[in-house]
Amino acid sequence: MTTSAPDRVRLDDTQLYRVTDAMCLLRMSRTVIYDQIRTGRLRSVKQGRARLITANGIREYIALLEKEAEDAA
């Protein structure tokens, strides 16, 4: 019996991501993720006590980073 590789988080698979999933997707630390949420640059929602980041929020955040990089060049 073979074992499969560990599951990888992909943006197309899910609509809501826990902070740990967003950390993997964006390659950022927990502190940076929460800083971006706090400043409004990365949109999130709360479900009970859980902080969740929407797939669209991640896409918008990436677009924001790309725009900032273009403006800086």
PDB file of N, CA and C in Angstrom:
ATOM      1  N   MET A   1       0.839  -1.176   0.000  1.00  0.00           N
ATOM      2  CA  MET A   1       0.000   0.000   0.000  1.00  0.00           C
ATOM      3  C   MET A   1       0.889   1.246   0.000  1.00  0.00           C
ATOM      4  N   THR A   2       0.576   2.178  -0.870  1.00  0.00           N
ATOM      5  CA  THR A   2       1.355   3.409  -0.940  1.00  0.00           C
ATOM      6  C   THR A   2       0.627   4.529  -0.223  1.00  0.00           C
ATOM      7  N   THR A   3       1.398   5.440   0.288  1.00  0.00           N
ATOM      8  CA  THR A   3       0.793   6.591   0.951  1.00  0.00           C
ATOM      9  C   THR A   3       0.918   7.788   0.026  1.00  0.00           C
ATOM     10  N   SER A   4      -0.089   8.616   0.049  1.00  0.00           N
ATOM     11  CA  SER A   4      -0.051   9.796  -0.807  1.00  0.00           C
ATOM     12  C   SER A   4       0.747  10.902  -0.133  1.00  0.00           C
ATOM     13  N   ALA A   5       1.188  11.836  -0.939  1.00  0.00           N
ATOM     14  CA  ALA A   5       1.915  12.993  -0.416  1.00  0.00           C
ATOM     15  C   ALA A   5       0.972  13.811   0.456  1.00  0.00           C
ATOM     16  N   PRO A   6       1.514  14.574   1.388  1.00  0.00           N
ATOM     17  CA  PRO A   6       0.655  15.403   2.230  1.00  0.00           C
ATOM     18  C   PRO A   6      -0.196  16.327   1.370  1.00  0.00           C
ATOM     19  N   ASP A   7      -1.425  16.537   1.827  1.00  0.00           N
ATOM     20  CA  ASP A   7      -2.325  17.422   1.088  1.00  0.00           C
ATOM     21  C   ASP A   7      -1.740  18.819   1.030  1.00  0.00           C
ATOM     22  N   ARG A   8      -1.832  19.403  -0.127  1.00  0.00           N
ATOM     23  CA  ARG A   8      -1.371  20.780  -0.310  1.00  0.00           C
ATOM     24  C   ARG A   8      -2.599  21.658  -0.425  1.00  0.00           C
ATOM     25  N   VAL A   9      -2.527  22.809   0.154  1.00  0.00           N
ATOM     26  CA  VAL A   9      -3.622  23.756   0.074  1.00  0.00           C
ATOM     27  C   VAL A   9      -3.541  24.465  -1.267  1.00  0.00           C
ATOM     28  N   ARG A  10      -4.641  24.469  -2.006  1.00  0.00           N
ATOM     29  CA  ARG A  10      -4.700  25.150  -3.288  1.00  0.00           C
ATOM     30  C   ARG A  10      -5.846  26.143  -3.263  1.00  0.00           C
ATOM     31  N   LEU A  11      -5.651  27.282  -3.891  1.00  0.00           N
ATOM     32  CA  LEU A  11      -6.637  28.345  -3.880  1.00  0.00           C
ATOM     33  C   LEU A  11      -7.945  27.920  -4.540  1.00  0.00           C
ATOM     34  N   ASP A  12      -7.900  27.025  -5.508  1.00  0.00           N
ATOM     35  CA  ASP A  12      -9.107  26.625  -6.212  1.00  0.00           C
ATOM     36  C   ASP A  12      -9.950  25.618  -5.435  1.00  0.00           C
ATOM     37  N   ASP A  13      -9.408  25.013  -4.412  1.00  0.00           N
ATOM     38  CA  ASP A  13     -10.092  23.935  -3.715  1.00  0.00           C
ATOM     39  C   ASP A  13     -11.113  24.415  -2.689  1.00  0.00           C
ATOM     40  N   THR A  14     -10.907  25.546  -2.088  1.00  0.00           N
ATOM     41  CA  THR A  14     -11.677  25.964  -0.927  1.00  0.00           C
ATOM     42  C   THR A  14     -12.087  27.412  -1.058  1.00  0.00           C
ATOM     43  N   GLN A  15     -13.152  27.813  -0.383  1.00  0.00           N
ATOM     44  CA  GLN A  15     -13.603  29.201  -0.398  1.00  0.00           C
ATOM     45  C   GLN A  15     -13.215  29.952   0.869  1.00  0.00           C
ATOM     46  N   LEU A  16     -13.048  29.243   1.972  1.00  0.00           N
ATOM     47  CA  LEU A  16     -12.651  29.857   3.242  1.00  0.00           C
ATOM     48  C   LEU A  16     -11.421  29.151   3.782  1.00  0.00           C
ATOM     49  N   TYR A  17     -10.451  29.941   4.228  1.00  0.00           N
ATOM     50  CA  TYR A  17      -9.192  29.389   4.703  1.00  0.00           C
ATOM     51  C   TYR A  17      -8.916  29.827   6.132  1.00  0.00           C
ATOM     52  N   ARG A  18      -8.424  28.917   6.922  1.00  0.00           N
ATOM     53  CA  ARG A  18      -7.939  29.280   8.253  1.00  0.00           C
ATOM     54  C   ARG A  18      -6.637  30.057   8.083  1.00  0.00           C
ATOM     55  N   VAL A  19      -6.231  30.741   9.112  1.00  0.00           N
ATOM     56  CA  VAL A  19      -5.010  31.543   9.048  1.00  0.00           C
ATOM     57  C   VAL A  19      -3.819  30.653   8.694  1.00  0.00           C
ATOM     58  N   THR A  20      -3.755  29.457   9.244  1.00  0.00           N
ATOM     59  CA  THR A  20      -2.631  28.562   8.933  1.00  0.00           C
ATOM     60  C   THR A  20      -2.600  28.200   7.452  1.00  0.00           C
ATOM     61  N   ASP A  21      -3.768  28.040   6.823  1.00  0.00           N
ATOM     62  CA  ASP A  21      -3.819  27.762   5.387  1.00  0.00           C
ATOM     63  C   ASP A  21      -3.343  28.970   4.589  1.00  0.00           C
ATOM     64  N   ALA A  22      -3.790  30.166   4.991  1.00  0.00           N
ATOM     65  CA  ALA A  22      -3.362  31.395   4.308  1.00  0.00           C
ATOM     66  C   ALA A  22      -1.855  31.585   4.453  1.00  0.00           C
ATOM     67  N   MET A  23      -1.312  31.207   5.603  1.00  0.00           N
ATOM     68  CA  MET A  23       0.129  31.291   5.806  1.00  0.00           C
ATOM     69  C   MET A  23       0.853  30.463   4.752  1.00  0.00           C
ATOM     70  N   CYS A  24       0.366  29.262   4.490  1.00  0.00           N
ATOM     71  CA  CYS A  24       0.984  28.388   3.487  1.00  0.00           C
ATOM     72  C   CYS A  24       0.808  28.949   2.083  1.00  0.00           C
ATOM     73  N   LEU A  25      -0.394  29.407   1.764  1.00  0.00           N
ATOM     74  CA  LEU A  25      -0.670  29.939   0.430  1.00  0.00           C
ATOM     75  C   LEU A  25       0.167  31.169   0.111  1.00  0.00           C
ATOM     76  N   LEU A  26       0.267  32.072   1.077  1.00  0.00           N
ATOM     77  CA  LEU A  26       0.938  33.349   0.850  1.00  0.00           C
ATOM     78  C   LEU A  26       2.407  33.334   1.254  1.00  0.00           C
ATOM     79  N   ARG A  27       2.852  32.238   1.887  1.00  0.00           N
ATOM     80  CA  ARG A  27       4.238  32.113   2.351  1.00  0.00           C
ATOM     81  C   ARG A  27       4.596  33.255   3.302  1.00  0.00           C
ATOM     82  N   MET A  28       3.688  33.514   4.246  1.00  0.00           N
ATOM     83  CA  MET A  28       3.884  34.573   5.227  1.00  0.00           C
ATOM     84  C   MET A  28       3.696  34.020   6.627  1.00  0.00           C
ATOM     85  N   SER A  29       4.267  34.717   7.595  1.00  0.00           N
ATOM     86  CA  SER A  29       4.146  34.283   8.982  1.00  0.00           C
ATOM     87  C   SER A  29       2.764  34.629   9.541  1.00  0.00           C
ATOM     88  N   ARG A  30       2.440  34.008  10.644  1.00  0.00           N
ATOM     89  CA  ARG A  30       1.173  34.258  11.327  1.00  0.00           C
ATOM     90  C   ARG A  30       1.046  35.733  11.699  1.00  0.00           C
ATOM     91  N   THR A  31       2.126  36.308  12.191  1.00  0.00           N
ATOM     92  CA  THR A  31       2.123  37.709  12.595  1.00  0.00           C
ATOM     93  C   THR A  31       1.819  38.621  11.417  1.00  0.00           C
ATOM     94  N   VAL A  32       2.440  38.357  10.277  1.00  0.00           N
ATOM     95  CA  VAL A  32       2.216  39.183   9.093  1.00  0.00           C
ATOM     96  C   VAL A  32       0.774  39.041   8.618  1.00  0.00           C
ATOM     97  N   ILE A  33       0.252  37.830   8.609  1.00  0.00           N
ATOM     98  CA  ILE A  33      -1.139  37.618   8.196  1.00  0.00           C
ATOM     99  C   ILE A  33      -2.077  38.438   9.075  1.00  0.00           C
ATOM    100  N   TYR A  34      -1.918  38.343  10.398  1.00  0.00           N
ATOM    101  CA  TYR A  34      -2.794  39.099  11.290  1.00  0.00           C
ATOM    102  C   TYR A  34      -2.588  40.602  11.149  1.00  0.00           C
ATOM    103  N   ASP A  35      -1.370  41.055  10.888  1.00  0.00           N
ATOM    104  CA  ASP A  35      -1.125  42.486  10.645  1.00  0.00           C
ATOM    105  C   ASP A  35      -1.870  42.950   9.396  1.00  0.00           C
ATOM    106  N   GLN A  36      -1.831  42.152   8.347  1.00  0.00           N
ATOM    107  CA  GLN A  36      -2.518  42.507   7.110  1.00  0.00           C
ATOM    108  C   GLN A  36      -4.035  42.516   7.293  1.00  0.00           C
ATOM    109  N   ILE A  37      -4.544  41.600   8.092  1.00  0.00           N
ATOM    110  CA  ILE A  37      -5.978  41.591   8.417  1.00  0.00           C
ATOM    111  C   ILE A  37      -6.336  42.837   9.218  1.00  0.00           C
ATOM    112  N   ARG A  38      -5.531  43.134  10.219  1.00  0.00           N
ATOM    113  CA  ARG A  38      -5.794  44.272  11.106  1.00  0.00           C
ATOM    114  C   ARG A  38      -5.797  45.597  10.343  1.00  0.00           C
ATOM    115  N   THR A  39      -4.913  45.734   9.362  1.00  0.00           N
ATOM    116  CA  THR A  39      -4.836  46.979   8.597  1.00  0.00           C
ATOM    117  C   THR A  39      -5.850  47.027   7.451  1.00  0.00           C
ATOM    118  N   GLY A  40      -6.576  45.934   7.226  1.00  0.00           N
ATOM    119  CA  GLY A  40      -7.597  45.915   6.187  1.00  0.00           C
ATOM    120  C   GLY A  40      -7.092  45.554   4.809  1.00  0.00           C
ATOM    121  N   ARG A  41      -5.829  45.190   4.708  1.00  0.00           N
ATOM    122  CA  ARG A  41      -5.269  44.818   3.408  1.00  0.00           C
ATOM    123  C   ARG A  41      -5.658  43.400   3.002  1.00  0.00           C
ATOM    124  N   LEU A  42      -5.921  42.541   3.962  1.00  0.00           N
ATOM    125  CA  LEU A  42      -6.342  41.162   3.716  1.00  0.00           C
ATOM    126  C   LEU A  42      -7.697  40.974   4.383  1.00  0.00           C
ATOM    127  N   ARG A  43      -8.722  40.767   3.562  1.00  0.00           N
ATOM    128  CA  ARG A  43     -10.072  40.663   4.105  1.00  0.00           C
ATOM    129  C   ARG A  43     -10.312  39.287   4.728  1.00  0.00           C
ATOM    130  N   SER A  44     -11.067  39.299   5.809  1.00  0.00           N
ATOM    131  CA  SER A  44     -11.389  38.049   6.497  1.00  0.00           C
ATOM    132  C   SER A  44     -12.780  38.159   7.101  1.00  0.00           C
ATOM    133  N   VAL A  45     -13.283  37.022   7.551  1.00  0.00           N
ATOM    134  CA  VAL A  45     -14.578  36.951   8.234  1.00  0.00           C
ATOM    135  C   VAL A  45     -14.395  36.145   9.508  1.00  0.00           C
ATOM    136  N   LYS A  46     -15.358  36.278  10.401  1.00  0.00           N
ATOM    137  CA  LYS A  46     -15.337  35.461  11.615  1.00  0.00           C
ATOM    138  C   LYS A  46     -16.522  34.516  11.600  1.00  0.00           C
ATOM    139  N   GLN A  47     -16.270  33.292  11.973  1.00  0.00           N
ATOM    140  CA  GLN A  47     -17.315  32.293  12.162  1.00  0.00           C
ATOM    141  C   GLN A  47     -17.116  31.757  13.565  1.00  0.00           C
ATOM    142  N   GLY A  48     -17.957  32.195  14.489  1.00  0.00           N
ATOM    143  CA  GLY A  48     -17.738  31.852  15.885  1.00  0.00           C
ATOM    144  C   GLY A  48     -16.448  32.507  16.338  1.00  0.00           C
ATOM    145  N   ARG A  49     -15.537  31.712  16.855  1.00  0.00           N
ATOM    146  CA  ARG A  49     -14.239  32.244  17.296  1.00  0.00           C
ATOM    147  C   ARG A  49     -13.164  32.140  16.229  1.00  0.00           C
ATOM    148  N   ALA A  50     -13.504  31.500  15.109  1.00  0.00           N
ATOM    149  CA  ALA A  50     -12.509  31.277  14.057  1.00  0.00           C
ATOM    150  C   ALA A  50     -12.417  32.473  13.118  1.00  0.00           C
ATOM    151  N   ARG A  51     -11.205  32.861  12.790  1.00  0.00           N
ATOM    152  CA  ARG A  51     -10.944  33.897  11.790  1.00  0.00           C
ATOM    153  C   ARG A  51     -10.683  33.170  10.484  1.00  0.00           C
ATOM    154  N   LEU A  52     -11.469  33.474   9.450  1.00  0.00           N
ATOM    155  CA  LEU A  52     -11.339  32.809   8.159  1.00  0.00           C
ATOM    156  C   LEU A  52     -11.070  33.850   7.076  1.00  0.00           C
ATOM    157  N   ILE A  53     -10.255  33.477   6.123  1.00  0.00           N
ATOM    158  CA  ILE A  53      -9.906  34.360   5.030  1.00  0.00           C
ATOM    159  C   ILE A  53     -10.548  33.804   3.767  1.00  0.00           C
ATOM    160  N   THR A  54     -11.247  34.665   3.048  1.00  0.00           N
ATOM    161  CA  THR A  54     -11.935  34.215   1.844  1.00  0.00           C
ATOM    162  C   THR A  54     -10.952  34.034   0.693  1.00  0.00           C
ATOM    163  N   ALA A  55     -11.303  33.148  -0.228  1.00  0.00           N
ATOM    164  CA  ALA A  55     -10.476  32.940  -1.414  1.00  0.00           C
ATOM    165  C   ALA A  55     -10.385  34.241  -2.203  1.00  0.00           C
ATOM    166  N   ASN A  56     -11.497  34.965  -2.298  1.00  0.00           N
ATOM    167  CA  ASN A  56     -11.486  36.239  -3.004  1.00  0.00           C
ATOM    168  C   ASN A  56     -10.601  37.253  -2.287  1.00  0.00           C
ATOM    169  N   GLY A  57     -10.602  37.232  -0.964  1.00  0.00           N
ATOM    170  CA  GLY A  57      -9.731  38.115  -0.192  1.00  0.00           C
ATOM    171  C   GLY A  57      -8.266  37.853  -0.491  1.00  0.00           C
ATOM    172  N   ILE A  58      -7.906  36.585  -0.644  1.00  0.00           N
ATOM    173  CA  ILE A  58      -6.519  36.228  -0.972  1.00  0.00           C
ATOM    174  C   ILE A  58      -6.178  36.711  -2.373  1.00  0.00           C
ATOM    175  N   ARG A  59      -7.096  36.501  -3.329  1.00  0.00           N
ATOM    176  CA  ARG A  59      -6.856  36.972  -4.699  1.00  0.00           C
ATOM    177  C   ARG A  59      -6.676  38.491  -4.734  1.00  0.00           C
ATOM    178  N   GLU A  60      -7.547  39.208  -4.014  1.00  0.00           N
ATOM    179  CA  GLU A  60      -7.459  40.670  -3.982  1.00  0.00           C
ATOM    180  C   GLU A  60      -6.155  41.132  -3.334  1.00  0.00           C
ATOM    181  N   TYR A  61      -5.726  40.426  -2.310  1.00  0.00           N
ATOM    182  CA  TYR A  61      -4.480  40.777  -1.641  1.00  0.00           C
ATOM    183  C   TYR A  61      -3.289  40.592  -2.581  1.00  0.00           C
ATOM    184  N   ILE A  62      -3.280  39.498  -3.324  1.00  0.00           N
ATOM    185  CA  ILE A  62      -2.206  39.258  -4.287  1.00  0.00           C
ATOM    186  C   ILE A  62      -2.215  40.341  -5.361  1.00  0.00           C
ATOM    187  N   ALA A  63      -3.397  40.714  -5.843  1.00  0.00           N
ATOM    188  CA  ALA A  63      -3.502  41.784  -6.838  1.00  0.00           C
ATOM    189  C   ALA A  63      -2.990  43.103  -6.270  1.00  0.00           C
ATOM    190  N   LEU A  64      -3.284  43.372  -5.001  1.00  0.00           N
ATOM    191  CA  LEU A  64      -2.790  44.580  -4.345  1.00  0.00           C
ATOM    192  C   LEU A  64      -1.266  44.584  -4.299  1.00  0.00           C
ATOM    193  N   LEU A  65      -0.670  43.454  -3.948  1.00  0.00           N
ATOM    194  CA  LEU A  65       0.795  43.357  -3.896  1.00  0.00           C
ATOM    195  C   LEU A  65       1.397  43.571  -5.284  1.00  0.00           C
ATOM    196  N   GLU A  66       0.755  42.997  -6.313  1.00  0.00           N
ATOM    197  CA  GLU A  66       1.259  43.171  -7.676  1.00  0.00           C
ATOM    198  C   GLU A  66       1.169  44.634  -8.096  1.00  0.00           C
ATOM    199  N   LYS A  67       0.072  45.300  -7.775  1.00  0.00           N
ATOM    200  CA  LYS A  67      -0.100  46.710  -8.121  1.00  0.00           C
ATOM    201  C   LYS A  67       0.942  47.565  -7.414  1.00  0.00           C
ATOM    202  N   GLU A  68       1.174  47.283  -6.139  1.00  0.00           N
ATOM    203  CA  GLU A  68       2.190  48.038  -5.383  1.00  0.00           C
ATOM    204  C   GLU A  68       3.576  47.839  -5.981  1.00  0.00           C
ATOM    205  N   ALA A  69       3.873  46.627  -6.438  1.00  0.00           N
ATOM    206  CA  ALA A  69       5.174  46.355  -7.051  1.00  0.00           C
ATOM    207  C   ALA A  69       5.316  47.107  -8.360  1.00  0.00           C
ATOM    208  N   GLU A  70       4.234  47.163  -9.162  1.00  0.00           N
ATOM    209  CA  GLU A  70       4.269  47.906 -10.418  1.00  0.00           C
ATOM    210  C   GLU A  70       4.457  49.391 -10.167  1.00  0.00           C
ATOM    211  N   ASP A  71       3.743  49.925  -9.177  1.00  0.00           N
ATOM    212  CA  ASP A  71       3.842  51.352  -8.861  1.00  0.00           C
ATOM    213  C   ASP A  71       5.227  51.722  -8.357  1.00  0.00           C
ATOM    214  N   ALA A  72       5.880  50.800  -7.673  1.00  0.00           N
ATOM    215  CA  ALA A  72       7.211  51.070  -7.117  1.00  0.00           C
ATOM    216  C   ALA A  72       8.292  51.021  -8.199  1.00  0.00           C
ATOM    217  N   ALA A  73       8.001  50.325  -9.299  1.00  0.00           N
ATOM    218  CA  ALA A  73       9.013  50.176 -10.367  1.00  0.00           C
ATOM    219  C   ALA A  73       9.111  51.388 -11.242  1.00  0.00           C
TER     220      ALA A  73
END
